PDB file of N, CA and C in Angstrom:
ATOM      1  N   MET A   1      -8.375  25.616-106.233  1.00  0.00           N
ATOM      2  CA  MET A   1      -7.813  24.722-105.226  1.00  0.00           C
ATOM      3  C   MET A   1      -8.423  23.335-105.415  1.00  0.00           C
ATOM      4  N   ASN A   2      -7.639  22.325-105.207  1.00  0.00           N
ATOM      5  CA  ASN A   2      -8.075  20.942-105.279  1.00  0.00           C
ATOM      6  C   ASN A   2      -9.216  20.680-104.280  1.00  0.00           C
ATOM      7  N   ALA A   3     -10.227  19.938-104.717  1.00  0.00           N
ATOM      8  CA  ALA A   3     -11.392  19.675-103.860  1.00  0.00           C
ATOM      9  C   ALA A   3     -11.013  18.954-102.575  1.00  0.00           C
ATOM     10  N   TRP A   4     -10.035  18.066-102.630  1.00  0.00           N
ATOM     11  CA  TRP A   4      -9.630  17.333-101.435  1.00  0.00           C
ATOM     12  C   TRP A   4      -8.934  18.262-100.436  1.00  0.00           C
ATOM     13  N   LEU A   5      -8.179  19.242-100.941  1.00  0.00           N
ATOM     14  CA  LEU A   5      -7.567  20.229-100.045  1.00  0.00           C
ATOM     15  C   LEU A   5      -8.640  21.130 -99.435  1.00  0.00           C
ATOM     16  N   GLN A   6      -9.649  21.470-100.226  1.00  0.00           N
ATOM     17  CA  GLN A   6     -10.764  22.259 -99.699  1.00  0.00           C
ATOM     18  C   GLN A   6     -11.503  21.478 -98.612  1.00  0.00           C
ATOM     19  N   LEU A   7     -11.649  20.180 -98.834  1.00  0.00           N
ATOM     20  CA  LEU A   7     -12.307  19.348 -97.827  1.00  0.00           C
ATOM     21  C   LEU A   7     -11.477  19.297 -96.550  1.00  0.00           C
ATOM     22  N   LEU A   8     -10.169  19.183 -96.689  1.00  0.00           N
ATOM     23  CA  LEU A   8      -9.296  19.189 -95.517  1.00  0.00           C
ATOM     24  C   LEU A   8      -9.411  20.523 -94.769  1.00  0.00           C
ATOM     25  N   LEU A   9      -9.450  21.618 -95.502  1.00  0.00           N
ATOM     26  CA  LEU A   9      -9.617  22.933 -94.878  1.00  0.00           C
ATOM     27  C   LEU A   9     -10.965  23.021 -94.164  1.00  0.00           C
ATOM     28  N   ALA A  10     -12.018  22.492 -94.784  1.00  0.00           N
ATOM     29  CA  ALA A  10     -13.345  22.477 -94.155  1.00  0.00           C
ATOM     30  C   ALA A  10     -13.316  21.697 -92.844  1.00  0.00           C
ATOM     31  N   ILE A  11     -12.620  20.568 -92.841  1.00  0.00           N
ATOM     32  CA  ILE A  11     -12.530  19.727 -91.643  1.00  0.00           C
ATOM     33  C   ILE A  11     -11.766  20.458 -90.536  1.00  0.00           C
ATOM     34  N   VAL A  12     -10.634  21.029 -90.882  1.00  0.00           N
ATOM     35  CA  VAL A  12      -9.822  21.737 -89.884  1.00  0.00           C
ATOM     36  C   VAL A  12     -10.591  22.937 -89.317  1.00  0.00           C
ATOM     37  N   ALA A  13     -11.259  23.688 -90.183  1.00  0.00           N
ATOM     38  CA  ALA A  13     -12.034  24.846 -89.719  1.00  0.00           C
ATOM     39  C   ALA A  13     -13.158  24.404 -88.785  1.00  0.00           C
ATOM     40  N   GLU A  14     -13.784  23.283 -89.091  1.00  0.00           N
ATOM     41  CA  GLU A  14     -14.867  22.769 -88.247  1.00  0.00           C
ATOM     42  C   GLU A  14     -14.328  22.322 -86.893  1.00  0.00           C
ATOM     43  N   VAL A  15     -13.170  21.685 -86.881  1.00  0.00           N
ATOM     44  CA  VAL A  15     -12.573  21.235 -85.621  1.00  0.00           C
ATOM     45  C   VAL A  15     -12.171  22.438 -84.760  1.00  0.00           C
ATOM     46  N   VAL A  16     -11.591  23.457 -85.384  1.00  0.00           N
ATOM     47  CA  VAL A  16     -11.241  24.679 -84.651  1.00  0.00           C
ATOM     48  C   VAL A  16     -12.505  25.323 -84.080  1.00  0.00           C
ATOM     49  N   ALA A  17     -13.554  25.423 -84.899  1.00  0.00           N
ATOM     50  CA  ALA A  17     -14.804  26.036 -84.450  1.00  0.00           C
ATOM     51  C   ALA A  17     -15.436  25.248 -83.306  1.00  0.00           C
ATOM     52  N   THR A  18     -15.450  23.937 -83.418  1.00  0.00           N
ATOM     53  CA  THR A  18     -16.048  23.116 -82.370  1.00  0.00           C
ATOM     54  C   THR A  18     -15.243  23.212 -81.079  1.00  0.00           C
ATOM     55  N   SER A  19     -13.926  23.254 -81.185  1.00  0.00           N
ATOM     56  CA  SER A  19     -13.085  23.425 -79.997  1.00  0.00           C
ATOM     57  C   SER A  19     -13.355  24.776 -79.342  1.00  0.00           C
ATOM     58  N   ALA A  20     -13.500  25.800 -80.152  1.00  0.00           N
ATOM     59  CA  ALA A  20     -13.786  27.137 -79.624  1.00  0.00           C
ATOM     60  C   ALA A  20     -15.198  27.214 -79.052  1.00  0.00           C
ATOM     61  N   LEU A  21     -16.105  26.396 -79.544  1.00  0.00           N
ATOM     62  CA  LEU A  21     -17.474  26.394 -79.024  1.00  0.00           C
ATOM     63  C   LEU A  21     -17.471  26.050 -77.540  1.00  0.00           C
ATOM     64  N   LYS A  22     -16.680  25.077 -77.157  1.00  0.00           N
ATOM     65  CA  LYS A  22     -16.561  24.753 -75.733  1.00  0.00           C
ATOM     66  C   LYS A  22     -15.951  25.927 -74.981  1.00  0.00           C
ATOM     67  N   ALA A  23     -14.908  26.521 -75.553  1.00  0.00           N
ATOM     68  CA  ALA A  23     -14.226  27.641 -74.893  1.00  0.00           C
ATOM     69  C   ALA A  23     -15.102  28.894 -74.816  1.00  0.00           C
ATOM     70  N   SER A  24     -16.108  28.991 -75.689  1.00  0.00           N
ATOM     71  CA  SER A  24     -16.965  30.182 -75.682  1.00  0.00           C
ATOM     72  C   SER A  24     -17.874  30.238 -74.461  1.00  0.00           C
ATOM     73  N   ASP A  25     -17.979  29.107 -73.750  1.00  0.00           N
ATOM     74  CA  ASP A  25     -18.789  29.035 -72.532  1.00  0.00           C
ATOM     75  C   ASP A  25     -20.210  29.539 -72.786  1.00  0.00           C
ATOM     76  N   GLY A  26     -20.865  28.917 -73.760  1.00  0.00           N
ATOM     77  CA  GLY A  26     -22.242  29.297 -74.086  1.00  0.00           C
ATOM     78  C   GLY A  26     -22.336  30.669 -74.741  1.00  0.00           C
ATOM     79  N   PHE A  27     -21.326  31.008 -75.534  1.00  0.00           N
ATOM     80  CA  PHE A  27     -21.239  32.295 -76.227  1.00  0.00           C
ATOM     81  C   PHE A  27     -21.171  33.479 -75.257  1.00  0.00           C
ATOM     82  N   THR A  28     -20.606  33.257 -74.077  1.00  0.00           N
ATOM     83  CA  THR A  28     -20.431  34.347 -73.117  1.00  0.00           C
ATOM     84  C   THR A  28     -19.033  34.947 -73.187  1.00  0.00           C
ATOM     85  N   ARG A  29     -18.126  34.317 -73.946  1.00  0.00           N
ATOM     86  CA  ARG A  29     -16.767  34.829 -74.122  1.00  0.00           C
ATOM     87  C   ARG A  29     -16.608  35.241 -75.581  1.00  0.00           C
ATOM     88  N   LEU A  30     -16.283  36.518 -75.811  1.00  0.00           N
ATOM     89  CA  LEU A  30     -16.304  37.110 -77.148  1.00  0.00           C
ATOM     90  C   LEU A  30     -15.395  36.407 -78.145  1.00  0.00           C
ATOM     91  N   TRP A  31     -14.101  36.324 -77.870  1.00  0.00           N
ATOM     92  CA  TRP A  31     -13.174  35.833 -78.897  1.00  0.00           C
ATOM     93  C   TRP A  31     -13.383  34.368 -79.257  1.00  0.00           C
ATOM     94  N   PRO A  32     -13.615  33.494 -78.293  1.00  0.00           N
ATOM     95  CA  PRO A  32     -13.955  32.129 -78.703  1.00  0.00           C
ATOM     96  C   PRO A  32     -15.244  32.080 -79.536  1.00  0.00           C
ATOM     97  N   ALA A  33     -16.225  32.928 -79.206  1.00  0.00           N
ATOM     98  CA  ALA A  33     -17.475  32.966 -79.981  1.00  0.00           C
ATOM     99  C   ALA A  33     -17.216  33.446 -81.409  1.00  0.00           C
ATOM    100  N   VAL A  34     -16.332  34.431 -81.560  1.00  0.00           N
ATOM    101  CA  VAL A  34     -15.976  34.911 -82.901  1.00  0.00           C
ATOM    102  C   VAL A  34     -15.300  33.785 -83.695  1.00  0.00           C
ATOM    103  N   ILE A  35     -14.404  33.043 -83.045  1.00  0.00           N
ATOM    104  CA  ILE A  35     -13.734  31.925 -83.711  1.00  0.00           C
ATOM    105  C   ILE A  35     -14.753  30.876 -84.155  1.00  0.00           C
ATOM    106  N   VAL A  36     -15.764  30.632 -83.332  1.00  0.00           N
ATOM    107  CA  VAL A  36     -16.827  29.673 -83.692  1.00  0.00           C
ATOM    108  C   VAL A  36     -17.516  30.112 -84.983  1.00  0.00           C
ATOM    109  N   VAL A  37     -17.955  31.347 -85.026  1.00  0.00           N
ATOM    110  CA  VAL A  37     -18.701  31.841 -86.190  1.00  0.00           C
ATOM    111  C   VAL A  37     -17.822  31.834 -87.445  1.00  0.00           C
ATOM    112  N   VAL A  38     -16.605  32.321 -87.320  1.00  0.00           N
ATOM    113  CA  VAL A  38     -15.699  32.349 -88.476  1.00  0.00           C
ATOM    114  C   VAL A  38     -15.343  30.924 -88.900  1.00  0.00           C
ATOM    115  N   GLY A  39     -15.029  30.068 -87.944  1.00  0.00           N
ATOM    116  CA  GLY A  39     -14.643  28.689 -88.259  1.00  0.00           C
ATOM    117  C   GLY A  39     -15.740  27.920 -88.975  1.00  0.00           C
ATOM    118  N   TYR A  40     -16.958  27.993 -88.458  1.00  0.00           N
ATOM    119  CA  TYR A  40     -18.059  27.294 -89.121  1.00  0.00           C
ATOM    120  C   TYR A  40     -18.379  27.913 -90.483  1.00  0.00           C
ATOM    121  N   SER A  41     -18.247  29.226 -90.599  1.00  0.00           N
ATOM    122  CA  SER A  41     -18.471  29.877 -91.894  1.00  0.00           C
ATOM    123  C   SER A  41     -17.469  29.393 -92.931  1.00  0.00           C
ATOM    124  N   VAL A  42     -16.201  29.365 -92.558  1.00  0.00           N
ATOM    125  CA  VAL A  42     -15.158  28.869 -93.472  1.00  0.00           C
ATOM    126  C   VAL A  42     -15.413  27.407 -93.807  1.00  0.00           C
ATOM    127  N   SER A  43     -15.751  26.619 -92.803  1.00  0.00           N
ATOM    128  CA  SER A  43     -15.985  25.196 -93.015  1.00  0.00           C
ATOM    129  C   SER A  43     -17.112  24.952 -94.011  1.00  0.00           C
ATOM    130  N   PHE A  44     -18.262  25.606 -93.803  1.00  0.00           N
ATOM    131  CA  PHE A  44     -19.395  25.367 -94.693  1.00  0.00           C
ATOM    132  C   PHE A  44     -19.186  25.963 -96.077  1.00  0.00           C
ATOM    133  N   TYR A  45     -18.463  27.065 -96.165  1.00  0.00           N
ATOM    134  CA  TYR A  45     -18.138  27.619 -97.484  1.00  0.00           C
ATOM    135  C   TYR A  45     -17.266  26.625 -98.257  1.00  0.00           C
ATOM    136  N   CYS A  46     -16.204  26.146 -97.615  1.00  0.00           N
ATOM    137  CA  CYS A  46     -15.331  25.174 -98.287  1.00  0.00           C
ATOM    138  C   CYS A  46     -16.105  23.902 -98.628  1.00  0.00           C
ATOM    139  N   LEU A  47     -16.949  23.462 -97.726  1.00  0.00           N
ATOM    140  CA  LEU A  47     -17.757  22.263 -97.984  1.00  0.00           C
ATOM    141  C   LEU A  47     -18.658  22.468 -99.201  1.00  0.00           C
ATOM    142  N   SER A  48     -19.215  23.652 -99.351  1.00  0.00           N
ATOM    143  CA  SER A  48     -20.073  23.923-100.514  1.00  0.00           C
ATOM    144  C   SER A  48     -19.274  23.861-101.808  1.00  0.00           C
ATOM    145  N   LEU A  49     -18.022  24.285-101.780  1.00  0.00           N
ATOM    146  CA  LEU A  49     -17.174  24.202-102.973  1.00  0.00           C
ATOM    147  C   LEU A  49     -16.806  22.756-103.288  1.00  0.00           C
ATOM    148  N   VAL A  50     -16.542  21.998-102.254  1.00  0.00           N
ATOM    149  CA  VAL A  50     -16.187  20.585-102.425  1.00  0.00           C
ATOM    150  C   VAL A  50     -17.320  19.831-103.120  1.00  0.00           C
ATOM    151  N   LEU A  51     -18.561  20.170-102.775  1.00  0.00           N
ATOM    152  CA  LEU A  51     -19.715  19.444-103.316  1.00  0.00           C
ATOM    153  C   LEU A  51     -19.913  19.664-104.811  1.00  0.00           C
ATOM    154  N   LYS A  52     -19.187  20.613-105.393  1.00  0.00           N
ATOM    155  CA  LYS A  52     -19.222  20.775-106.851  1.00  0.00           C
ATOM    156  C   LYS A  52     -18.490  19.636-107.541  1.00  0.00           C
ATOM    157  N   THR A  53     -17.578  18.987-106.831  1.00  0.00           N
ATOM    158  CA  THR A  53     -16.709  17.973-107.428  1.00  0.00           C
ATOM    159  C   THR A  53     -16.899  16.578-106.851  1.00  0.00           C
ATOM    160  N   ILE A  54     -16.976  16.504-105.528  1.00  0.00           N
ATOM    161  CA  ILE A  54     -17.039  15.207-104.855  1.00  0.00           C
ATOM    162  C   ILE A  54     -18.482  14.949-104.431  1.00  0.00           C
ATOM    163  N   PRO A  55     -19.008  13.740-104.664  1.00  0.00           N
ATOM    164  CA  PRO A  55     -20.390  13.425-104.286  1.00  0.00           C
ATOM    165  C   PRO A  55     -20.652  13.678-102.797  1.00  0.00           C
ATOM    166  N   VAL A  56     -21.874  14.092-102.493  1.00  0.00           N
ATOM    167  CA  VAL A  56     -22.235  14.497-101.136  1.00  0.00           C
ATOM    168  C   VAL A  56     -22.027  13.362-100.124  1.00  0.00           C
ATOM    169  N   GLY A  57     -22.325  12.132-100.484  1.00  0.00           N
ATOM    170  CA  GLY A  57     -22.151  11.015 -99.550  1.00  0.00           C
ATOM    171  C   GLY A  57     -20.701  10.809 -99.163  1.00  0.00           C
ATOM    172  N   ILE A  58     -19.825  10.849-100.142  1.00  0.00           N
ATOM    173  CA  ILE A  58     -18.391  10.692 -99.881  1.00  0.00           C
ATOM    174  C   ILE A  58     -17.884  11.900 -99.091  1.00  0.00           C
ATOM    175  N   THR A  59     -18.276  13.095 -99.515  1.00  0.00           N
ATOM    176  CA  THR A  59     -17.847  14.311 -98.827  1.00  0.00           C
ATOM    177  C   THR A  59     -18.240  14.264 -97.362  1.00  0.00           C
ATOM    178  N   TYR A  60     -19.491  13.942 -97.095  1.00  0.00           N
ATOM    179  CA  TYR A  60     -19.965  13.954 -95.716  1.00  0.00           C
ATOM    180  C   TYR A  60     -19.310  12.855 -94.893  1.00  0.00           C
ATOM    181  N   ALA A  61     -19.093  11.691 -95.490  1.00  0.00           N
ATOM    182  CA  ALA A  61     -18.443  10.602 -94.759  1.00  0.00           C
ATOM    183  C   ALA A  61     -17.029  10.997 -94.344  1.00  0.00           C
ATOM    184  N   VAL A  62     -16.290  11.590 -95.253  1.00  0.00           N
ATOM    185  CA  VAL A  62     -14.918  11.994 -94.939  1.00  0.00           C
ATOM    186  C   VAL A  62     -14.936  13.155 -93.937  1.00  0.00           C
ATOM    187  N   TRP A  63     -15.784  14.155 -94.183  1.00  0.00           N
ATOM    188  CA  TRP A  63     -15.860  15.329 -93.314  1.00  0.00           C
ATOM    189  C   TRP A  63     -16.229  14.940 -91.886  1.00  0.00           C
ATOM    190  N   SER A  64     -17.274  14.155 -91.748  1.00  0.00           N
ATOM    191  CA  SER A  64     -17.716  13.794 -90.401  1.00  0.00           C
ATOM    192  C   SER A  64     -16.776  12.788 -89.750  1.00  0.00           C
ATOM    193  N   GLY A  65     -16.293  11.815 -90.522  1.00  0.00           N
ATOM    194  CA  GLY A  65     -15.401  10.801 -89.957  1.00  0.00           C
ATOM    195  C   GLY A  65     -14.098  11.381 -89.441  1.00  0.00           C
ATOM    196  N   LEU A  66     -13.421  12.134 -90.286  1.00  0.00           N
ATOM    197  CA  LEU A  66     -12.169  12.749 -89.840  1.00  0.00           C
ATOM    198  C   LEU A  66     -12.421  13.812 -88.785  1.00  0.00           C
ATOM    199  N   GLY A  67     -13.544  14.514 -88.908  1.00  0.00           N
ATOM    200  CA  GLY A  67     -13.899  15.513 -87.901  1.00  0.00           C
ATOM    201  C   GLY A  67     -14.074  14.898 -86.522  1.00  0.00           C
ATOM    202  N   ILE A  68     -14.720  13.744 -86.458  1.00  0.00           N
ATOM    203  CA  ILE A  68     -14.918  13.048 -85.181  1.00  0.00           C
ATOM    204  C   ILE A  68     -13.577  12.702 -84.547  1.00  0.00           C
ATOM    205  N   VAL A  69     -12.698  12.151 -85.346  1.00  0.00           N
ATOM    206  CA  VAL A  69     -11.387  11.758 -84.828  1.00  0.00           C
ATOM    207  C   VAL A  69     -10.597  12.987 -84.375  1.00  0.00           C
ATOM    208  N   LEU A  70     -10.556  14.015 -85.211  1.00  0.00           N
ATOM    209  CA  LEU A  70      -9.766  15.199 -84.876  1.00  0.00           C
ATOM    210  C   LEU A  70     -10.329  15.971 -83.687  1.00  0.00           C
ATOM    211  N   ILE A  71     -11.656  16.068 -83.587  1.00  0.00           N
ATOM    212  CA  ILE A  71     -12.215  16.798 -82.449  1.00  0.00           C
ATOM    213  C   ILE A  71     -12.008  16.012 -81.156  1.00  0.00           C
ATOM    214  N   THR A  72     -12.026  14.700 -81.242  1.00  0.00           N
ATOM    215  CA  THR A  72     -11.734  13.886 -80.058  1.00  0.00           C
ATOM    216  C   THR A  72     -10.297  14.101 -79.601  1.00  0.00           C
ATOM    217  N   LEU A  73      -9.370  14.123 -80.557  1.00  0.00           N
ATOM    218  CA  LEU A  73      -7.971  14.377 -80.218  1.00  0.00           C
ATOM    219  C   LEU A  73      -7.775  15.803 -79.694  1.00  0.00           C
ATOM    220  N   ALA A  74      -8.465  16.767 -80.284  1.00  0.00           N
ATOM    221  CA  ALA A  74      -8.369  18.158 -79.817  1.00  0.00           C
ATOM    222  C   ALA A  74      -8.918  18.281 -78.394  1.00  0.00           C
ATOM    223  N   ALA A  75     -10.026  17.608 -78.103  1.00  0.00           N
ATOM    224  CA  ALA A  75     -10.611  17.659 -76.756  1.00  0.00           C
ATOM    225  C   ALA A  75      -9.671  17.022 -75.738  1.00  0.00           C
ATOM    226  N   TRP A  76      -8.984  15.978 -76.145  1.00  0.00           N
ATOM    227  CA  TRP A  76      -7.999  15.344 -75.267  1.00  0.00           C
ATOM    228  C   TRP A  76      -6.841  16.307 -74.989  1.00  0.00           C
ATOM    229  N   TRP A  77      -6.354  16.934 -76.052  1.00  0.00           N
ATOM    230  CA  TRP A  77      -5.196  17.816 -75.929  1.00  0.00           C
ATOM    231  C   TRP A  77      -5.546  19.126 -75.221  1.00  0.00           C
ATOM    232  N   LEU A  78      -6.640  19.768 -75.622  1.00  0.00           N
ATOM    233  CA  LEU A  78      -6.987  21.090 -75.094  1.00  0.00           C
ATOM    234  C   LEU A  78      -7.688  21.047 -73.739  1.00  0.00           C
ATOM    235  N   TYR A  79      -8.551  20.053 -73.554  1.00  0.00           N
ATOM    236  CA  TYR A  79      -9.420  20.051 -72.379  1.00  0.00           C
ATOM    237  C   TYR A  79      -9.200  18.860 -71.441  1.00  0.00           C
ATOM    238  N   GLY A  80      -8.209  18.032 -71.753  1.00  0.00           N
ATOM    239  CA  GLY A  80      -7.895  16.910 -70.884  1.00  0.00           C
ATOM    240  C   GLY A  80      -8.938  15.811 -70.848  1.00  0.00           C
ATOM    241  N   GLN A  81      -9.803  15.754 -71.856  1.00  0.00           N
ATOM    242  CA  GLN A  81     -10.806  14.698 -71.888  1.00  0.00           C
ATOM    243  C   GLN A  81     -10.127  13.372 -72.205  1.00  0.00           C
ATOM    244  N   THR A  82     -10.610  12.316 -71.604  1.00  0.00           N
ATOM    245  CA  THR A  82      -9.964  11.017 -71.764  1.00  0.00           C
ATOM    246  C   THR A  82     -10.530  10.258 -72.960  1.00  0.00           C
ATOM    247  N   ILE A  83      -9.691   9.391 -73.492  1.00  0.00           N
ATOM    248  CA  ILE A  83     -10.086   8.505 -74.588  1.00  0.00           C
ATOM    249  C   ILE A  83      -9.781   7.087 -74.118  1.00  0.00           C
ATOM    250  N   ASP A  84     -10.815   6.256 -74.002  1.00  0.00           N
ATOM    251  CA  ASP A  84     -10.575   4.883 -73.561  1.00  0.00           C
ATOM    252  C   ASP A  84     -10.303   3.975 -74.752  1.00  0.00           C
ATOM    253  N   THR A  85     -10.045   2.724 -74.472  1.00  0.00           N
ATOM    254  CA  THR A  85      -9.706   1.762 -75.523  1.00  0.00           C
ATOM    255  C   THR A  85     -10.834   1.620 -76.541  1.00  0.00           C
ATOM    256  N   ALA A  86     -12.050   1.559 -76.070  1.00  0.00           N
ATOM    257  CA  ALA A  86     -13.182   1.436 -76.998  1.00  0.00           C
ATOM    258  C   ALA A  86     -13.257   2.658 -77.912  1.00  0.00           C
ATOM    259  N   GLY A  87     -12.982   3.830 -77.371  1.00  0.00           N
ATOM    260  CA  GLY A  87     -12.969   5.046 -78.174  1.00  0.00           C
ATOM    261  C   GLY A  87     -11.880   5.007 -79.234  1.00  0.00           C
ATOM    262  N   LEU A  88     -10.703   4.531 -78.854  1.00  0.00           N
ATOM    263  CA  LEU A  88      -9.605   4.415 -79.817  1.00  0.00           C
ATOM    264  C   LEU A  88      -9.935   3.408 -80.929  1.00  0.00           C
ATOM    265  N   VAL A  89     -10.527   2.290 -80.539  1.00  0.00           N
ATOM    266  CA  VAL A  89     -10.924   1.289 -81.542  1.00  0.00           C
ATOM    267  C   VAL A  89     -11.982   1.871 -82.471  1.00  0.00           C
ATOM    268  N   GLY A  90     -12.950   2.563 -81.911  1.00  0.00           N
ATOM    269  CA  GLY A  90     -13.997   3.178 -82.721  1.00  0.00           C
ATOM    270  C   GLY A  90     -13.436   4.193 -83.706  1.00  0.00           C
ATOM    271  N   MET A  91     -12.504   5.020 -83.239  1.00  0.00           N
ATOM    272  CA  MET A  91     -11.891   5.996 -84.138  1.00  0.00           C
ATOM    273  C   MET A  91     -11.066   5.302 -85.210  1.00  0.00           C
ATOM    274  N   GLY A  92     -10.421   4.208 -84.861  1.00  0.00           N
ATOM    275  CA  GLY A  92      -9.688   3.435 -85.860  1.00  0.00           C
ATOM    276  C   GLY A  92     -10.614   2.892 -86.932  1.00  0.00           C
ATOM    277  N   LEU A  93     -11.792   2.432 -86.518  1.00  0.00           N
ATOM    278  CA  LEU A  93     -12.773   1.931 -87.488  1.00  0.00           C
ATOM    279  C   LEU A  93     -13.286   3.057 -88.387  1.00  0.00           C
ATOM    280  N   ILE A  94     -13.483   4.230 -87.804  1.00  0.00           N
ATOM    281  CA  ILE A  94     -13.908   5.385 -88.608  1.00  0.00           C
ATOM    282  C   ILE A  94     -12.853   5.703 -89.651  1.00  0.00           C
ATOM    283  N   LEU A  95     -11.600   5.775 -89.220  1.00  0.00           N
ATOM    284  CA  LEU A  95     -10.518   6.059 -90.169  1.00  0.00           C
ATOM    285  C   LEU A  95     -10.425   4.977 -91.240  1.00  0.00           C
ATOM    286  N   ALA A  96     -10.609   3.714 -90.843  1.00  0.00           N
ATOM    287  CA  ALA A  96     -10.589   2.628 -91.817  1.00  0.00           C
ATOM    288  C   ALA A  96     -11.718   2.800 -92.828  1.00  0.00           C
ATOM    289  N   GLY A  97     -12.872   3.219 -92.377  1.00  0.00           N
ATOM    290  CA  GLY A  97     -13.992   3.453 -93.289  1.00  0.00           C
ATOM    291  C   GLY A  97     -13.706   4.572 -94.269  1.00  0.00           C
ATOM    292  N   VAL A  98     -13.074   5.631 -93.811  1.00  0.00           N
ATOM    293  CA  VAL A  98     -12.712   6.738 -94.695  1.00  0.00           C
ATOM    294  C   VAL A  98     -11.708   6.257 -95.742  1.00  0.00           C
ATOM    295  N   VAL A  99     -10.745   5.453 -95.322  1.00  0.00           N
ATOM    296  CA  VAL A  99      -9.756   4.913 -96.268  1.00  0.00           C
ATOM    297  C   VAL A  99     -10.438   4.013 -97.294  1.00  0.00           C
ATOM    298  N   VAL A 100     -11.330   3.138 -96.845  1.00  0.00           N
ATOM    299  CA  VAL A 100     -12.046   2.247 -97.773  1.00  0.00           C
ATOM    300  C   VAL A 100     -12.829   3.067 -98.785  1.00  0.00           C
ATOM    301  N   LEU A 101     -13.524   4.109 -98.324  1.00  0.00           N
ATOM    302  CA  LEU A 101     -14.282   4.957 -99.249  1.00  0.00           C
ATOM    303  C   LEU A 101     -13.381   5.590-100.301  1.00  0.00           C
ATOM    304  N   ASN A 102     -12.228   6.060 -99.875  1.00  0.00           N
ATOM    305  CA  ASN A 102     -11.346   6.771-100.791  1.00  0.00           C
ATOM    306  C   ASN A 102     -10.526   5.854-101.686  1.00  0.00           C
ATOM    307  N   VAL A 103     -10.176   4.687-101.217  1.00  0.00           N
ATOM    308  CA  VAL A 103      -9.323   3.796-101.996  1.00  0.00           C
ATOM    309  C   VAL A 103     -10.139   2.859-102.883  1.00  0.00           C
ATOM    310  N   PHE A 104     -11.246   2.361-102.376  1.00  0.00           N
ATOM    311  CA  PHE A 104     -11.976   1.310-103.083  1.00  0.00           C
ATOM    312  C   PHE A 104     -13.289   1.750-103.722  1.00  0.00           C
ATOM    313  N   SER A 105     -13.853   2.871-103.300  1.00  0.00           N
ATOM    314  CA  SER A 105     -15.136   3.300-103.848  1.00  0.00           C
ATOM    315  C   SER A 105     -14.956   3.901-105.229  1.00  0.00           C
ATOM    316  N   THR A 106     -15.844   3.554-106.140  1.00  0.00           N
ATOM    317  CA  THR A 106     -15.802   4.147-107.482  1.00  0.00           C
ATOM    318  C   THR A 106     -16.680   5.393-107.567  1.00  0.00           C
ATOM    319  N   SER A 107     -17.379   5.740-106.485  1.00  0.00           N
ATOM    320  CA  SER A 107     -18.244   6.911-106.507  1.00  0.00           C
ATOM    321  C   SER A 107     -17.601   8.123-105.868  1.00  0.00           C
ATOM    322  N   GLY A 108     -16.291   8.077-105.631  1.00  0.00           N
ATOM    323  CA  GLY A 108     -15.597   9.140-104.928  1.00  0.00           C
ATOM    324  C   GLY A 108     -15.291  10.377-105.740  1.00  0.00           C
ATOM    325  N   GLY A 109     -15.590  10.393-106.991  1.00  0.00           N
ATOM    326  CA  GLY A 109     -15.358  11.574-107.799  1.00  0.00           C
ATOM    327  C   GLY A 109     -13.909  11.777-108.181  1.00  0.00           C
ATOM    328  N   HIS A 110     -13.085  10.726-108.109  1.00  0.00           N
ATOM    329  CA  HIS A 110     -11.671  10.865-108.476  1.00  0.00           C
ATOM    330  C   HIS A 110     -11.525  10.749-109.978  1.00  0.00           C
TER     331      HIS A 110
END
């Protein structure tokens, strides 16, 4: 599998796991807790495969940056958490940074 697709899978698995972490209510609810463990396991496994190809700095920047944006959107959608203008601007800057890393950086492993 392409390293970038593996990274996307790692990000999605991490967002699912983090969303379920809230739903697990401190690991007192079985199925959300199971989703947390499986989600983080899949995420870190895929991340370990990605690091064979893409440098760790680029990998972590993309993983954490997109993860922040996606988990914020998931929290808004699933749990009704609000996103203010400053939050939207901040997420836009994060996304812009990820784009700059991928489009302009020569250390991205492409």
